[in-house]
Amino acid sequence: MTLDIVIIGVGILVFVVPAAWSRIHGPVAEERRQLDGERQRLAHERRRLAAAAQPVAGGRRSGCPWCGFPISPPPG
């Protein structure tokens, strides 16, 4: 009898609680993913606009071609 109660309790903890938790917190996670995607899109757009606004120095841009990080020109 006690074993049956323990098995039912574990089943509830394993199957019912996670499903209920995801129903409660699901919309918040989806909104967070959408906002994160929007933030990444805006960051990419800012990097693209910053790269386009940089003056061309000797036919080359003065930043990293992949990430746009400013790299100082070689001395001399």
PDB file of N, CA and C in Angstrom:
ATOM      1  N   MET A   1       0.818  -1.192   0.000  1.00  0.00           N
ATOM      2  CA  MET A   1       0.000   0.000   0.000  1.00  0.00           C
ATOM      3  C   MET A   1       0.864   1.260   0.000  1.00  0.00           C
ATOM      4  N   THR A   2       1.877   1.278   0.854  1.00  0.00           N
ATOM      5  CA  THR A   2       2.763   2.436   0.910  1.00  0.00           C
ATOM      6  C   THR A   2       3.538   2.574  -0.394  1.00  0.00           C
ATOM      7  N   LEU A   3       3.924   1.442  -0.980  1.00  0.00           N
ATOM      8  CA  LEU A   3       4.662   1.474  -2.247  1.00  0.00           C
ATOM      9  C   LEU A   3       3.794   2.066  -3.354  1.00  0.00           C
ATOM     10  N   ASP A   4       2.501   1.736  -3.359  1.00  0.00           N
ATOM     11  CA  ASP A   4       1.591   2.295  -4.360  1.00  0.00           C
ATOM     12  C   ASP A   4       1.502   3.817  -4.229  1.00  0.00           C
ATOM     13  N   ILE A   5       1.427   4.302  -3.018  1.00  0.00           N
ATOM     14  CA  ILE A   5       1.352   5.748  -2.791  1.00  0.00           C
ATOM     15  C   ILE A   5       2.639   6.428  -3.247  1.00  0.00           C
ATOM     16  N   VAL A   6       3.784   5.808  -2.979  1.00  0.00           N
ATOM     17  CA  VAL A   6       5.071   6.370  -3.401  1.00  0.00           C
ATOM     18  C   VAL A   6       5.158   6.399  -4.927  1.00  0.00           C
ATOM     19  N   ILE A   7       4.723   5.332  -5.581  1.00  0.00           N
ATOM     20  CA  ILE A   7       4.773   5.283  -7.053  1.00  0.00           C
ATOM     21  C   ILE A   7       3.861   6.347  -7.648  1.00  0.00           C
ATOM     22  N   ILE A   8       2.672   6.518  -7.109  1.00  0.00           N
ATOM     23  CA  ILE A   8       1.751   7.548  -7.611  1.00  0.00           C
ATOM     24  C   ILE A   8       2.336   8.939  -7.366  1.00  0.00           C
ATOM     25  N   GLY A   9       2.934   9.158  -6.193  1.00  0.00           N
ATOM     26  CA  GLY A   9       3.538  10.454  -5.892  1.00  0.00           C
ATOM     27  C   GLY A   9       4.675  10.789  -6.839  1.00  0.00           C
ATOM     28  N   VAL A  10       5.522   9.797  -7.119  1.00  0.00           N
ATOM     29  CA  VAL A  10       6.638  10.025  -8.054  1.00  0.00           C
ATOM     30  C   VAL A  10       6.103  10.286  -9.455  1.00  0.00           C
ATOM     31  N   GLY A  11       5.073   9.562  -9.859  1.00  0.00           N
ATOM     32  CA  GLY A  11       4.471   9.787 -11.174  1.00  0.00           C
ATOM     33  C   GLY A  11       3.922  11.191 -11.307  1.00  0.00           C
ATOM     34  N   ILE A  12       3.288  11.676 -10.255  1.00  0.00           N
ATOM     35  CA  ILE A  12       2.768  13.046 -10.290  1.00  0.00           C
ATOM     36  C   ILE A  12       3.915  14.039 -10.386  1.00  0.00           C
ATOM     37  N   LEU A  13       4.979  13.816  -9.606  1.00  0.00           N
ATOM     38  CA  LEU A  13       6.125  14.741  -9.655  1.00  0.00           C
ATOM     39  C   LEU A  13       6.812  14.724 -11.011  1.00  0.00           C
ATOM     40  N   VAL A  14       6.860  13.559 -11.650  1.00  0.00           N
ATOM     41  CA  VAL A  14       7.591  13.448 -12.921  1.00  0.00           C
ATOM     42  C   VAL A  14       6.759  13.936 -14.101  1.00  0.00           C
ATOM     43  N   PHE A  15       5.452  13.655 -14.109  1.00  0.00           N
ATOM     44  CA  PHE A  15       4.655  13.954 -15.294  1.00  0.00           C
ATOM     45  C   PHE A  15       3.724  15.156 -15.143  1.00  0.00           C
ATOM     46  N   VAL A  16       3.090  15.310 -14.015  1.00  0.00           N
ATOM     47  CA  VAL A  16       2.072  16.349 -13.874  1.00  0.00           C
ATOM     48  C   VAL A  16       2.680  17.712 -13.549  1.00  0.00           C
ATOM     49  N   VAL A  17       3.609  17.754 -12.626  1.00  0.00           N
ATOM     50  CA  VAL A  17       4.186  19.033 -12.203  1.00  0.00           C
ATOM     51  C   VAL A  17       4.923  19.745 -13.354  1.00  0.00           C
ATOM     52  N   PRO A  18       5.787  19.059 -14.132  1.00  0.00           N
ATOM     53  CA  PRO A  18       6.441  19.780 -15.245  1.00  0.00           C
ATOM     54  C   PRO A  18       5.450  20.289 -16.297  1.00  0.00           C
ATOM     55  N   ALA A  19       4.393  19.525 -16.573  1.00  0.00           N
ATOM     56  CA  ALA A  19       3.400  19.977 -17.557  1.00  0.00           C
ATOM     57  C   ALA A  19       2.668  21.212 -17.043  1.00  0.00           C
ATOM     58  N   ALA A  20       2.300  21.204 -15.780  1.00  0.00           N
ATOM     59  CA  ALA A  20       1.618  22.363 -15.201  1.00  0.00           C
ATOM     60  C   ALA A  20       2.546  23.575 -15.168  1.00  0.00           C
ATOM     61  N   TRP A  21       3.798  23.342 -14.833  1.00  0.00           N
ATOM     62  CA  TRP A  21       4.779  24.432 -14.771  1.00  0.00           C
ATOM     63  C   TRP A  21       4.964  25.077 -16.145  1.00  0.00           C
ATOM     64  N   SER A  22       5.039  24.244 -17.198  1.00  0.00           N
ATOM     65  CA  SER A  22       5.235  24.801 -18.536  1.00  0.00           C
ATOM     66  C   SER A  22       3.998  25.553 -19.006  1.00  0.00           C
ATOM     67  N   ARG A  23       2.811  25.131 -18.582  1.00  0.00           N
ATOM     68  CA  ARG A  23       1.603  25.880 -18.948  1.00  0.00           C
ATOM     69  C   ARG A  23       1.578  27.246 -18.275  1.00  0.00           C
ATOM     70  N   ILE A  24       2.035  27.284 -17.047  1.00  0.00           N
ATOM     71  CA  ILE A  24       2.021  28.542 -16.310  1.00  0.00           C
ATOM     72  C   ILE A  24       3.072  29.504 -16.859  1.00  0.00           C
ATOM     73  N   HIS A  25       4.274  29.020 -17.125  1.00  0.00           N
ATOM     74  CA  HIS A  25       5.390  29.877 -17.520  1.00  0.00           C
ATOM     75  C   HIS A  25       5.684  29.835 -19.010  1.00  0.00           C
ATOM     76  N   GLY A  26       4.889  29.147 -19.800  1.00  0.00           N
ATOM     77  CA  GLY A  26       5.119  29.048 -21.242  1.00  0.00           C
ATOM     78  C   GLY A  26       5.059  30.370 -21.971  1.00  0.00           C
ATOM     79  N   PRO A  27       3.999  31.166 -21.787  1.00  0.00           N
ATOM     80  CA  PRO A  27       3.904  32.428 -22.532  1.00  0.00           C
ATOM     81  C   PRO A  27       5.038  33.402 -22.204  1.00  0.00           C
ATOM     82  N   VAL A  28       5.519  33.393 -20.979  1.00  0.00           N
ATOM     83  CA  VAL A  28       6.613  34.282 -20.605  1.00  0.00           C
ATOM     84  C   VAL A  28       7.881  33.894 -21.371  1.00  0.00           C
ATOM     85  N   ALA A  29       8.141  32.588 -21.465  1.00  0.00           N
ATOM     86  CA  ALA A  29       9.327  32.122 -22.182  1.00  0.00           C
ATOM     87  C   ALA A  29       9.233  32.462 -23.667  1.00  0.00           C
ATOM     88  N   GLU A  30       8.046  32.317 -24.255  1.00  0.00           N
ATOM     89  CA  GLU A  30       7.873  32.634 -25.671  1.00  0.00           C
ATOM     90  C   GLU A  30       8.096  34.127 -25.912  1.00  0.00           C
ATOM     91  N   GLU A  31       7.572  34.965 -25.031  1.00  0.00           N
ATOM     92  CA  GLU A  31       7.785  36.404 -25.171  1.00  0.00           C
ATOM     93  C   GLU A  31       9.262  36.752 -25.029  1.00  0.00           C
ATOM     94  N   ARG A  32       9.952  36.083 -24.121  1.00  0.00           N
ATOM     95  CA  ARG A  32      11.388  36.320 -23.939  1.00  0.00           C
ATOM     96  C   ARG A  32      12.163  35.937 -25.194  1.00  0.00           C
ATOM     97  N   ARG A  33      11.779  34.827 -25.833  1.00  0.00           N
ATOM     98  CA  ARG A  33      12.461  34.429 -27.073  1.00  0.00           C
ATOM     99  C   ARG A  33      12.224  35.449 -28.179  1.00  0.00           C
ATOM    100  N   GLN A  34      11.002  35.964 -28.272  1.00  0.00           N
ATOM    101  CA  GLN A  34      10.710  36.969 -29.299  1.00  0.00           C
ATOM    102  C   GLN A  34      11.500  38.247 -29.058  1.00  0.00           C
ATOM    103  N   LEU A  35      11.573  38.681 -27.814  1.00  0.00           N
ATOM    104  CA  LEU A  35      12.331  39.893 -27.504  1.00  0.00           C
ATOM    105  C   LEU A  35      13.821  39.692 -27.765  1.00  0.00           C
ATOM    106  N   ASP A  36      14.329  38.490 -27.465  1.00  0.00           N
ATOM    107  CA  ASP A  36      15.736  38.210 -27.717  1.00  0.00           C
ATOM    108  C   ASP A  36      16.029  38.231 -29.213  1.00  0.00           C
ATOM    109  N   GLY A  37      15.137  37.679 -30.016  1.00  0.00           N
ATOM    110  CA  GLY A  37      15.306  37.718 -31.471  1.00  0.00           C
ATOM    111  C   GLY A  37      15.278  39.138 -31.999  1.00  0.00           C
ATOM    112  N   GLU A  38      14.379  39.945 -31.448  1.00  0.00           N
ATOM    113  CA  GLU A  38      14.298  41.354 -31.858  1.00  0.00           C
ATOM    114  C   GLU A  38      15.572  42.101 -31.467  1.00  0.00           C
ATOM    115  N   ARG A  39      16.098  41.818 -30.270  1.00  0.00           N
ATOM    116  CA  ARG A  39      17.324  42.477 -29.818  1.00  0.00           C
ATOM    117  C   ARG A  39      18.493  42.076 -30.709  1.00  0.00           C
ATOM    118  N   GLN A  40      18.567  40.809 -31.100  1.00  0.00           N
ATOM    119  CA  GLN A  40      19.651  40.370 -31.980  1.00  0.00           C
ATOM    120  C   GLN A  40      19.532  41.026 -33.351  1.00  0.00           C
ATOM    121  N   ARG A  41      18.295  41.149 -33.852  1.00  0.00           N
ATOM    122  CA  ARG A  41      18.097  41.784 -35.154  1.00  0.00           C
ATOM    123  C   ARG A  41      18.524  43.249 -35.113  1.00  0.00           C
ATOM    124  N   LEU A  42      18.165  43.951 -34.037  1.00  0.00           N
ATOM    125  CA  LEU A  42      18.556  45.357 -33.908  1.00  0.00           C
ATOM    126  C   LEU A  42      20.065  45.514 -33.768  1.00  0.00           C
ATOM    127  N   ALA A  43      20.712  44.618 -33.019  1.00  0.00           N
ATOM    128  CA  ALA A  43      22.168  44.685 -32.874  1.00  0.00           C
ATOM    129  C   ALA A  43      22.851  44.453 -34.216  1.00  0.00           C
ATOM    130  N   HIS A  44      22.341  43.511 -34.991  1.00  0.00           N
ATOM    131  CA  HIS A  44      22.916  43.247 -36.312  1.00  0.00           C
ATOM    132  C   HIS A  44      22.741  44.466 -37.219  1.00  0.00           C
ATOM    133  N   GLU A  45      21.565  45.072 -37.165  1.00  0.00           N
ATOM    134  CA  GLU A  45      21.311  46.258 -37.981  1.00  0.00           C
ATOM    135  C   GLU A  45      22.223  47.417 -37.574  1.00  0.00           C
ATOM    136  N   ARG A  46      22.432  47.606 -36.269  1.00  0.00           N
ATOM    137  CA  ARG A  46      23.342  48.668 -35.804  1.00  0.00           C
ATOM    138  C   ARG A  46      24.769  48.418 -36.289  1.00  0.00           C
ATOM    139  N   ARG A  47      25.221  47.155 -36.204  1.00  0.00           N
ATOM    140  CA  ARG A  47      26.585  46.855 -36.687  1.00  0.00           C
ATOM    141  C   ARG A  47      26.704  47.104 -38.182  1.00  0.00           C
ATOM    142  N   ARG A  48      25.663  46.737 -38.933  1.00  0.00           N
ATOM    143  CA  ARG A  48      25.698  46.936 -40.376  1.00  0.00           C
ATOM    144  C   ARG A  48      25.738  48.434 -40.701  1.00  0.00           C
ATOM    145  N   LEU A  49      24.936  49.228 -40.021  1.00  0.00           N
ATOM    146  CA  LEU A  49      24.924  50.675 -40.271  1.00  0.00           C
ATOM    147  C   LEU A  49      26.234  51.331 -39.831  1.00  0.00           C
ATOM    148  N   ALA A  50      26.801  50.865 -38.714  1.00  0.00           N
ATOM    149  CA  ALA A  50      28.077  51.421 -38.261  1.00  0.00           C
ATOM    150  C   ALA A  50      29.193  51.084 -39.248  1.00  0.00           C
ATOM    151  N   ALA A  51      29.169  49.878 -39.790  1.00  0.00           N
ATOM    152  CA  ALA A  51      30.191  49.487 -40.759  1.00  0.00           C
ATOM    153  C   ALA A  51      30.043  50.298 -42.041  1.00  0.00           C
ATOM    154  N   ALA A  52      28.824  50.588 -42.439  1.00  0.00           N
ATOM    155  CA  ALA A  52      28.606  51.373 -43.658  1.00  0.00           C
ATOM    156  C   ALA A  52      28.990  52.831 -43.451  1.00  0.00           C
ATOM    157  N   ALA A  53      28.899  53.329 -42.218  1.00  0.00           N
ATOM    158  CA  ALA A  53      29.203  54.735 -41.954  1.00  0.00           C
ATOM    159  C   ALA A  53      30.700  54.995 -41.758  1.00  0.00           C
ATOM    160  N   GLN A  54      31.492  53.952 -41.533  1.00  0.00           N
ATOM    161  CA  GLN A  54      32.925  54.152 -41.319  1.00  0.00           C
ATOM    162  C   GLN A  54      33.589  54.599 -42.614  1.00  0.00           C
ATOM    163  N   PRO A  55      34.491  55.548 -42.517  1.00  0.00           N
ATOM    164  CA  PRO A  55      35.202  55.971 -43.733  1.00  0.00           C
ATOM    165  C   PRO A  55      36.152  54.864 -44.201  1.00  0.00           C
ATOM    166  N   VAL A  56      36.284  54.789 -45.501  1.00  0.00           N
ATOM    167  CA  VAL A  56      37.174  53.781 -46.077  1.00  0.00           C
ATOM    168  C   VAL A  56      38.603  54.311 -45.991  1.00  0.00           C
ATOM    169  N   ALA A  57      39.492  53.532 -45.352  1.00  0.00           N
ATOM    170  CA  ALA A  57      40.887  53.952 -45.173  1.00  0.00           C
ATOM    171  C   ALA A  57      41.775  53.105 -46.070  1.00  0.00           C
ATOM    172  N   GLY A  58      42.227  53.682 -47.164  1.00  0.00           N
ATOM    173  CA  GLY A  58      43.140  52.966 -48.054  1.00  0.00           C
ATOM    174  C   GLY A  58      42.479  51.773 -48.736  1.00  0.00           C
ATOM    175  N   GLY A  59      41.202  51.872 -49.021  1.00  0.00           N
ATOM    176  CA  GLY A  59      40.518  50.779 -49.684  1.00  0.00           C
ATOM    177  C   GLY A  59      40.055  49.691 -48.721  1.00  0.00           C
ATOM    178  N   ARG A  60      40.406  49.793 -47.454  1.00  0.00           N
ATOM    179  CA  ARG A  60      39.994  48.789 -46.466  1.00  0.00           C
ATOM    180  C   ARG A  60      39.272  49.484 -45.331  1.00  0.00           C
ATOM    181  N   ARG A  61      38.382  48.777 -44.726  1.00  0.00           N
ATOM    182  CA  ARG A  61      37.745  49.295 -43.511  1.00  0.00           C
ATOM    183  C   ARG A  61      38.695  49.053 -42.360  1.00  0.00           C
ATOM    184  N   SER A  62      38.601  49.903 -41.354  1.00  0.00           N
ATOM    185  CA  SER A  62      39.547  49.824 -40.254  1.00  0.00           C
ATOM    186  C   SER A  62      39.102  48.882 -39.151  1.00  0.00           C
ATOM    187  N   GLY A  63      38.069  48.091 -39.369  1.00  0.00           N
ATOM    188  CA  GLY A  63      37.581  47.183 -38.344  1.00  0.00           C
ATOM    189  C   GLY A  63      37.644  45.748 -38.807  1.00  0.00           C
ATOM    190  N   CYS A  64      37.339  44.869 -37.900  1.00  0.00           N
ATOM    191  CA  CYS A  64      37.293  43.448 -38.207  1.00  0.00           C
ATOM    192  C   CYS A  64      36.180  43.203 -39.231  1.00  0.00           C
ATOM    193  N   PRO A  65      36.460  42.463 -40.311  1.00  0.00           N
ATOM    194  CA  PRO A  65      35.430  42.268 -41.331  1.00  0.00           C
ATOM    195  C   PRO A  65      34.270  41.396 -40.866  1.00  0.00           C
ATOM    196  N   TRP A  66      34.463  40.603 -39.828  1.00  0.00           N
ATOM    197  CA  TRP A  66      33.398  39.704 -39.375  1.00  0.00           C
ATOM    198  C   TRP A  66      32.529  40.336 -38.301  1.00  0.00           C
ATOM    199  N   CYS A  67      33.133  40.971 -37.307  1.00  0.00           N
ATOM    200  CA  CYS A  67      32.335  41.474 -36.182  1.00  0.00           C
ATOM    201  C   CYS A  67      32.287  43.004 -36.139  1.00  0.00           C
ATOM    202  N   GLY A  68      33.138  43.704 -36.882  1.00  0.00           N
ATOM    203  CA  GLY A  68      33.131  45.160 -36.875  1.00  0.00           C
ATOM    204  C   GLY A  68      33.916  45.791 -35.749  1.00  0.00           C
ATOM    205  N   PHE A  69      34.622  44.976 -34.954  1.00  0.00           N
ATOM    206  CA  PHE A  69      35.421  45.498 -33.844  1.00  0.00           C
ATOM    207  C   PHE A  69      36.515  46.378 -34.411  1.00  0.00           C
ATOM    208  N   PRO A  70      36.704  47.596 -33.889  1.00  0.00           N
ATOM    209  CA  PRO A  70      37.708  48.498 -34.447  1.00  0.00           C
ATOM    210  C   PRO A  70      39.121  47.978 -34.198  1.00  0.00           C
ATOM    211  N   ILE A  71      39.890  47.948 -35.255  1.00  0.00           N
ATOM    212  CA  ILE A  71      41.286  47.518 -35.172  1.00  0.00           C
ATOM    213  C   ILE A  71      42.137  48.716 -35.595  1.00  0.00           C
ATOM    214  N   SER A  72      43.128  49.039 -34.778  1.00  0.00           N
ATOM    215  CA  SER A  72      43.966  50.182 -35.116  1.00  0.00           C
ATOM    216  C   SER A  72      44.825  49.836 -36.328  1.00  0.00           C
ATOM    217  N   PRO A  73      45.097  50.803 -37.181  1.00  0.00           N
ATOM    218  CA  PRO A  73      45.918  50.541 -38.354  1.00  0.00           C
ATOM    219  C   PRO A  73      47.354  50.221 -37.955  1.00  0.00           C
ATOM    220  N   PRO A  74      48.052  49.484 -38.757  1.00  0.00           N
ATOM    221  CA  PRO A  74      49.447  49.162 -38.445  1.00  0.00           C
ATOM    222  C   PRO A  74      50.310  50.436 -38.421  1.00  0.00           C
ATOM    223  N   PRO A  75      51.291  50.490 -37.549  1.00  0.00           N
ATOM    224  CA  PRO A  75      52.135  51.676 -37.476  1.00  0.00           C
ATOM    225  C   PRO A  75      53.009  51.814 -38.731  1.00  0.00           C
ATOM    226  N   GLY A  76      53.205  53.038 -39.105  1.00  0.00           N
ATOM    227  CA  GLY A  76      54.151  53.298 -40.197  1.00  0.00           C
ATOM    228  C   GLY A  76      53.541  53.656 -41.446  1.00  0.00           C
TER     229      GLY A  76
END
